[in-house]
Amino acid sequence: MAGTALAETRNSARARVGSLSRSRTPEDPDLVKARRDLAAGQLAHHIEKVLSVAPPLSIDQRAELAALFEAGRAEVGIG
């Protein structure tokens, strides 16, 4: 079940951020990655939650939402 795996991933990322933040600087690559993983897990959880009760999205709506992710990729220099 996707929700269960997602919850485990978020919990694991949350614990990793907590553990690493005690002994690492904010710029530490492992801590930065753990924070990014946690943010992605939280975002995925929220999207899943909203979509589970929303009516189906149109193709145009899906494209607009996908464009938001692409804009984020461009801002951080990915792709």
N, C-alpha and C. Protein backbone atom coordinates (compact mmCIF):
# COMPACT_ATOMS: atom_id res chain seq x y z
N MET A 1 0.84 -1.18 0.00
CA MET A 1 0.00 0.00 0.00
C MET A 1 0.88 1.25 0.00
N ALA A 2 0.62 2.17 -0.92
CA ALA A 2 1.46 3.35 -1.08
C ALA A 2 1.47 4.23 0.16
N GLY A 3 0.32 4.43 0.78
CA GLY A 3 0.24 5.27 1.96
C GLY A 3 1.10 4.78 3.10
N THR A 4 1.15 3.47 3.29
CA THR A 4 1.96 2.89 4.36
C THR A 4 3.44 3.10 4.09
N ALA A 5 3.87 2.82 2.88
CA ALA A 5 5.28 3.02 2.53
C ALA A 5 5.65 4.49 2.63
N LEU A 6 4.75 5.35 2.22
CA LEU A 6 4.99 6.78 2.29
C LEU A 6 5.14 7.24 3.73
N ALA A 7 4.30 6.75 4.61
CA ALA A 7 4.38 7.11 6.03
C ALA A 7 5.69 6.63 6.63
N GLU A 8 6.11 5.43 6.27
CA GLU A 8 7.38 4.91 6.78
C GLU A 8 8.54 5.76 6.29
N THR A 9 8.50 6.17 5.03
CA THR A 9 9.56 7.01 4.47
C THR A 9 9.62 8.36 5.17
N ARG A 10 8.45 8.96 5.38
CA ARG A 10 8.41 10.26 6.08
C ARG A 10 8.92 10.13 7.50
N ASN A 11 8.51 9.08 8.19
CA ASN A 11 8.97 8.88 9.57
C ASN A 11 10.47 8.67 9.62
N SER A 12 10.99 7.89 8.69
CA SER A 12 12.42 7.64 8.63
C SER A 12 13.19 8.93 8.34
N ALA A 13 12.69 9.72 7.39
CA ALA A 13 13.35 10.99 7.05
C ALA A 13 13.30 11.95 8.23
N ARG A 14 12.18 11.99 8.92
CA ARG A 14 12.04 12.87 10.09
C ARG A 14 13.06 12.48 11.16
N ALA A 15 13.19 11.20 11.41
CA ALA A 15 14.14 10.72 12.42
C ALA A 15 15.58 11.02 11.99
N ARG A 16 15.86 10.86 10.71
CA ARG A 16 17.21 11.12 10.21
C ARG A 16 17.57 12.60 10.36
N VAL A 17 16.64 13.48 10.03
CA VAL A 17 16.88 14.92 10.20
C VAL A 17 17.16 15.23 11.67
N GLY A 18 16.35 14.67 12.55
CA GLY A 18 16.54 14.90 13.98
C GLY A 18 17.91 14.44 14.46
N SER A 19 18.29 13.25 14.01
CA SER A 19 19.58 12.69 14.42
C SER A 19 20.75 13.51 13.88
N LEU A 20 20.71 13.80 12.59
CA LEU A 20 21.82 14.53 11.97
C LEU A 20 21.92 15.97 12.45
N SER A 21 20.80 16.59 12.76
CA SER A 21 20.83 18.01 13.15
C SER A 21 21.49 18.22 14.50
N ARG A 22 21.63 17.16 15.28
CA ARG A 22 22.30 17.29 16.58
C ARG A 22 23.81 17.42 16.46
N SER A 23 24.36 16.84 15.39
CA SER A 23 25.82 16.79 15.33
C SER A 23 26.41 17.40 14.05
N ARG A 24 25.58 17.90 13.17
CA ARG A 24 26.07 18.42 11.89
C ARG A 24 25.72 19.89 11.74
N THR A 25 26.49 20.55 10.88
CA THR A 25 26.18 21.94 10.55
C THR A 25 25.00 21.96 9.57
N PRO A 26 24.28 23.07 9.50
CA PRO A 26 23.13 23.13 8.58
C PRO A 26 23.49 22.88 7.11
N GLU A 27 24.73 23.14 6.73
CA GLU A 27 25.16 22.96 5.34
C GLU A 27 25.68 21.56 5.05
N ASP A 28 25.73 20.70 6.04
CA ASP A 28 26.25 19.35 5.84
C ASP A 28 25.45 18.64 4.74
N PRO A 29 26.13 18.06 3.74
CA PRO A 29 25.42 17.42 2.62
C PRO A 29 24.43 16.33 3.04
N ASP A 30 24.77 15.53 4.03
CA ASP A 30 23.85 14.48 4.48
C ASP A 30 22.60 15.08 5.12
N LEU A 31 22.78 16.14 5.89
CA LEU A 31 21.64 16.80 6.53
C LEU A 31 20.78 17.51 5.49
N VAL A 32 21.41 18.16 4.52
CA VAL A 32 20.67 18.81 3.44
C VAL A 32 19.83 17.78 2.69
N LYS A 33 20.42 16.63 2.39
CA LYS A 33 19.69 15.57 1.69
C LYS A 33 18.54 15.04 2.54
N ALA A 34 18.79 14.85 3.82
CA ALA A 34 17.74 14.35 4.71
C ALA A 34 16.58 15.34 4.79
N ARG A 35 16.89 16.62 4.84
CA ARG A 35 15.83 17.64 4.86
C ARG A 35 15.05 17.65 3.55
N ARG A 36 15.77 17.50 2.45
CA ARG A 36 15.11 17.45 1.14
C ARG A 36 14.21 16.23 1.05
N ASP A 37 14.68 15.08 1.53
CA ASP A 37 13.88 13.85 1.53
C ASP A 37 12.63 14.02 2.39
N LEU A 38 12.78 14.66 3.54
CA LEU A 38 11.63 14.89 4.42
C LEU A 38 10.62 15.81 3.74
N ALA A 39 11.10 16.88 3.13
CA ALA A 39 10.19 17.81 2.45
C ALA A 39 9.45 17.10 1.32
N ALA A 40 10.15 16.28 0.56
CA ALA A 40 9.51 15.55 -0.54
C ALA A 40 8.47 14.57 0.00
N GLY A 41 8.79 13.91 1.09
CA GLY A 41 7.83 12.97 1.69
C GLY A 41 6.60 13.68 2.20
N GLN A 42 6.79 14.84 2.81
CA GLN A 42 5.65 15.61 3.32
C GLN A 42 4.79 16.12 2.17
N LEU A 43 5.44 16.56 1.11
CA LEU A 43 4.70 17.04 -0.06
C LEU A 43 3.92 15.90 -0.70
N ALA A 44 4.56 14.76 -0.86
CA ALA A 44 3.88 13.60 -1.45
C ALA A 44 2.68 13.19 -0.60
N HIS A 45 2.85 13.21 0.71
CA HIS A 45 1.75 12.85 1.61
C HIS A 45 0.58 13.82 1.43
N HIS A 46 0.89 15.10 1.36
CA HIS A 46 -0.17 16.10 1.22
C HIS A 46 -0.89 15.94 -0.12
N ILE A 47 -0.13 15.75 -1.18
CA ILE A 47 -0.73 15.57 -2.50
C ILE A 47 -1.64 14.34 -2.50
N GLU A 48 -1.14 13.25 -1.95
CA GLU A 48 -1.93 12.02 -1.89
C GLU A 48 -3.22 12.24 -1.11
N LYS A 49 -3.13 12.94 -0.01
CA LYS A 49 -4.29 13.21 0.84
C LYS A 49 -5.33 14.06 0.10
N VAL A 50 -4.88 15.11 -0.56
CA VAL A 50 -5.80 15.99 -1.29
C VAL A 50 -6.44 15.25 -2.47
N LEU A 51 -5.63 14.52 -3.22
CA LEU A 51 -6.16 13.82 -4.39
C LEU A 51 -7.12 12.70 -4.02
N SER A 52 -6.99 12.16 -2.83
CA SER A 52 -7.87 11.06 -2.44
C SER A 52 -9.32 11.50 -2.26
N VAL A 53 -9.54 12.78 -2.03
CA VAL A 53 -10.91 13.28 -1.83
C VAL A 53 -11.36 14.23 -2.94
N ALA A 54 -10.47 14.59 -3.83
CA ALA A 54 -10.79 15.54 -4.90
C ALA A 54 -11.41 14.81 -6.09
N PRO A 55 -12.21 15.53 -6.86
CA PRO A 55 -12.70 14.93 -8.11
C PRO A 55 -11.52 14.77 -9.07
N PRO A 56 -11.65 13.92 -10.06
CA PRO A 56 -10.54 13.72 -11.01
C PRO A 56 -10.13 15.04 -11.66
N LEU A 57 -8.83 15.19 -11.85
CA LEU A 57 -8.30 16.40 -12.48
C LEU A 57 -8.39 16.27 -14.00
N SER A 58 -8.56 17.40 -14.66
CA SER A 58 -8.54 17.40 -16.12
C SER A 58 -7.09 17.28 -16.59
N ILE A 59 -6.92 17.00 -17.85
CA ILE A 59 -5.57 16.92 -18.41
C ILE A 59 -4.86 18.25 -18.26
N ASP A 60 -5.57 19.35 -18.50
CA ASP A 60 -4.96 20.68 -18.36
C ASP A 60 -4.54 20.96 -16.92
N GLN A 61 -5.37 20.58 -15.97
CA GLN A 61 -5.04 20.78 -14.56
C GLN A 61 -3.80 19.97 -14.18
N ARG A 62 -3.74 18.74 -14.66
CA ARG A 62 -2.56 17.91 -14.38
C ARG A 62 -1.30 18.53 -14.97
N ALA A 63 -1.42 19.07 -16.18
CA ALA A 63 -0.27 19.71 -16.83
C ALA A 63 0.18 20.94 -16.05
N GLU A 64 -0.77 21.73 -15.56
CA GLU A 64 -0.42 22.91 -14.77
C GLU A 64 0.29 22.52 -13.48
N LEU A 65 -0.19 21.48 -12.83
CA LEU A 65 0.46 21.03 -11.60
C LEU A 65 1.85 20.47 -11.88
N ALA A 66 1.99 19.73 -12.96
CA ALA A 66 3.30 19.20 -13.34
C ALA A 66 4.27 20.34 -13.63
N ALA A 67 3.76 21.43 -14.22
CA ALA A 67 4.61 22.58 -14.52
C ALA A 67 5.17 23.21 -13.25
N LEU A 68 4.43 23.14 -12.16
CA LEU A 68 4.94 23.66 -10.89
C LEU A 68 6.20 22.90 -10.46
N PHE A 69 6.19 21.59 -10.66
CA PHE A 69 7.37 20.80 -10.32
C PHE A 69 8.54 21.13 -11.23
N GLU A 70 8.26 21.32 -12.51
CA GLU A 70 9.32 21.68 -13.45
C GLU A 70 9.91 23.04 -13.11
N ALA A 71 9.07 23.99 -12.69
CA ALA A 71 9.56 25.31 -12.29
C ALA A 71 10.50 25.17 -11.10
N GLY A 72 10.16 24.31 -10.16
CA GLY A 72 11.02 24.06 -9.01
C GLY A 72 12.35 23.47 -9.41
N ARG A 73 12.33 22.59 -10.40
CA ARG A 73 13.57 21.99 -10.90
C ARG A 73 14.47 23.07 -11.49
N ALA A 74 13.89 23.99 -12.25
CA ALA A 74 14.67 25.05 -12.88
C ALA A 74 15.28 25.97 -11.84
N GLU A 75 14.53 26.25 -10.77
CA GLU A 75 15.02 27.16 -9.72
C GLU A 75 16.25 26.62 -9.02
N VAL A 76 16.34 25.31 -8.89
CA VAL A 76 17.50 24.73 -8.20
C VAL A 76 18.54 24.19 -9.18
N GLY A 77 18.33 24.44 -10.47
CA GLY A 77 19.32 24.06 -11.46
C GLY A 77 19.34 22.58 -11.79
N ILE A 78 18.20 21.91 -11.71
CA ILE A 78 18.13 20.49 -12.06
C ILE A 78 17.58 20.39 -13.47
N GLY A 79 18.18 19.50 -14.26
CA GLY A 79 17.64 19.24 -15.60
C GLY A 79 18.11 20.27 -16.52
